[in-house]
Amino acid sequence: MKKVKLFITKKGYKQDEKGNLIENTLNARPCAECFKMMQYYGIKKVYYTTYDGGIESINTNHINTSEEFLSDAQRLFKEDRYWIT
């Protein structure tokens, strides 16, 4: 998978002062487990959206997966395991 580049986007909505919904981008940076999978499958370059509407890129070879953040679901699982049956 030498030539694979992964693009990740996350879309959200916010209200303006008149109550209209406005589309915006959210932070779509992959979590540690996602980076591990990308490294396993040989995906080298990842592009993702940010809260301010920008796009960041990162080389997965330069990621220390032990220092990456957890997703909301992963954090909840670690904090409160009893809710999963």
Protein backbone atom coordinates (compact mmCIF):
# COMPACT_ATOMS: atom_id res chain seq x y z
CA MET A 1 0.00 0.00 0.00
CA LYS A 2 2.80 2.40 -0.85
CA LYS A 3 0.66 4.93 -2.66
CA VAL A 4 -2.36 4.95 -0.36
CA LYS A 5 -3.30 8.27 1.22
CA LEU A 6 -6.19 8.28 3.66
CA PHE A 7 -8.53 11.28 3.95
CA ILE A 8 -10.73 11.49 7.06
CA THR A 9 -13.39 14.12 7.55
CA LYS A 10 -15.92 14.68 10.29
CA LYS A 11 -18.90 16.94 9.76
CA GLY A 12 -20.98 18.67 12.39
CA TYR A 13 -23.54 21.43 12.74
CA LYS A 14 -23.77 24.50 14.91
CA GLN A 15 -26.43 27.17 15.29
CA ASP A 16 -25.94 30.76 14.31
CA GLU A 17 -27.47 33.66 16.23
CA LYS A 18 -30.76 33.24 14.29
CA GLY A 19 -31.01 29.53 15.11
CA ASN A 20 -30.09 28.32 11.63
CA LEU A 21 -27.94 25.22 11.39
CA ILE A 22 -24.55 25.82 9.81
CA GLU A 23 -22.39 22.96 8.62
CA ASN A 24 -18.85 22.90 9.99
CA THR A 25 -15.95 20.48 10.23
CA LEU A 26 -14.90 18.72 13.40
CA ASN A 27 -11.60 17.28 14.52
CA ALA A 28 -11.14 13.92 12.77
CA ARG A 29 -7.63 13.05 14.00
CA PRO A 30 -7.41 9.28 14.29
CA CYS A 31 -7.04 7.67 17.71
CA ALA A 32 -4.14 5.45 18.77
CA GLU A 33 -5.90 2.23 17.73
CA CYS A 34 -6.66 3.66 14.28
CA PHE A 35 -3.01 4.65 13.84
CA LYS A 36 -1.95 1.13 14.79
CA MET A 37 -4.23 -0.30 12.10
CA MET A 38 -2.92 2.16 9.52
CA GLN A 39 0.65 1.20 10.35
CA TYR A 40 -0.26 -2.50 10.16
CA TYR A 41 -1.77 -2.09 6.69
CA GLY A 42 1.05 0.12 5.46
CA ILE A 43 -0.88 3.39 5.13
CA LYS A 44 1.80 6.04 5.32
CA LYS A 45 0.02 9.38 4.91
CA VAL A 46 -3.19 10.54 6.59
CA TYR A 47 -5.10 13.79 6.07
CA TYR A 48 -7.83 14.83 8.51
CA THR A 49 -10.08 17.82 9.19
CA THR A 50 -9.70 20.14 12.18
CA TYR A 51 -12.19 22.21 14.21
CA ASP A 52 -11.26 25.42 12.41
CA GLY A 53 -12.02 24.00 8.95
CA GLY A 54 -8.41 23.20 8.13
CA ILE A 55 -6.83 20.00 6.94
CA GLU A 56 -3.79 18.52 8.67
CA SER A 57 -1.54 15.77 7.35
CA ILE A 58 0.61 13.32 9.24
CA ASN A 59 2.99 10.51 8.38
CA THR A 60 1.95 7.41 10.32
CA ASN A 61 5.57 6.28 10.63
CA HIS A 62 6.24 9.21 12.97
CA ILE A 63 3.42 8.39 15.40
CA ASN A 64 4.07 6.99 18.84
CA THR A 65 0.81 5.13 19.39
CA SER A 66 1.39 4.87 23.15
CA GLU A 67 1.18 8.67 23.37
CA GLU A 68 -1.83 9.22 21.10
CA PHE A 69 -5.20 10.24 22.46
CA LEU A 70 -8.18 7.97 23.04
CA SER A 71 -11.50 8.35 21.29
CA ASP A 72 -14.58 9.20 23.37
CA ALA A 73 -15.77 5.59 23.18
CA GLN A 74 -12.37 4.25 24.27
CA ARG A 75 -12.23 6.71 27.17
CA LEU A 76 -15.72 5.71 28.34
CA PHE A 77 -14.81 2.05 28.12
CA LYS A 78 -11.72 2.52 30.26
CA GLU A 79 -13.56 4.67 32.83
CA ASP A 80 -16.79 2.73 33.06
CA ARG A 81 -16.49 -0.85 31.81
CA TYR A 82 -19.65 -2.18 33.46
CA TRP A 83 -21.98 -0.68 30.84
CA ILE A 84 -20.66 -3.05 28.19
CA THR A 85 -22.25 -6.51 28.43
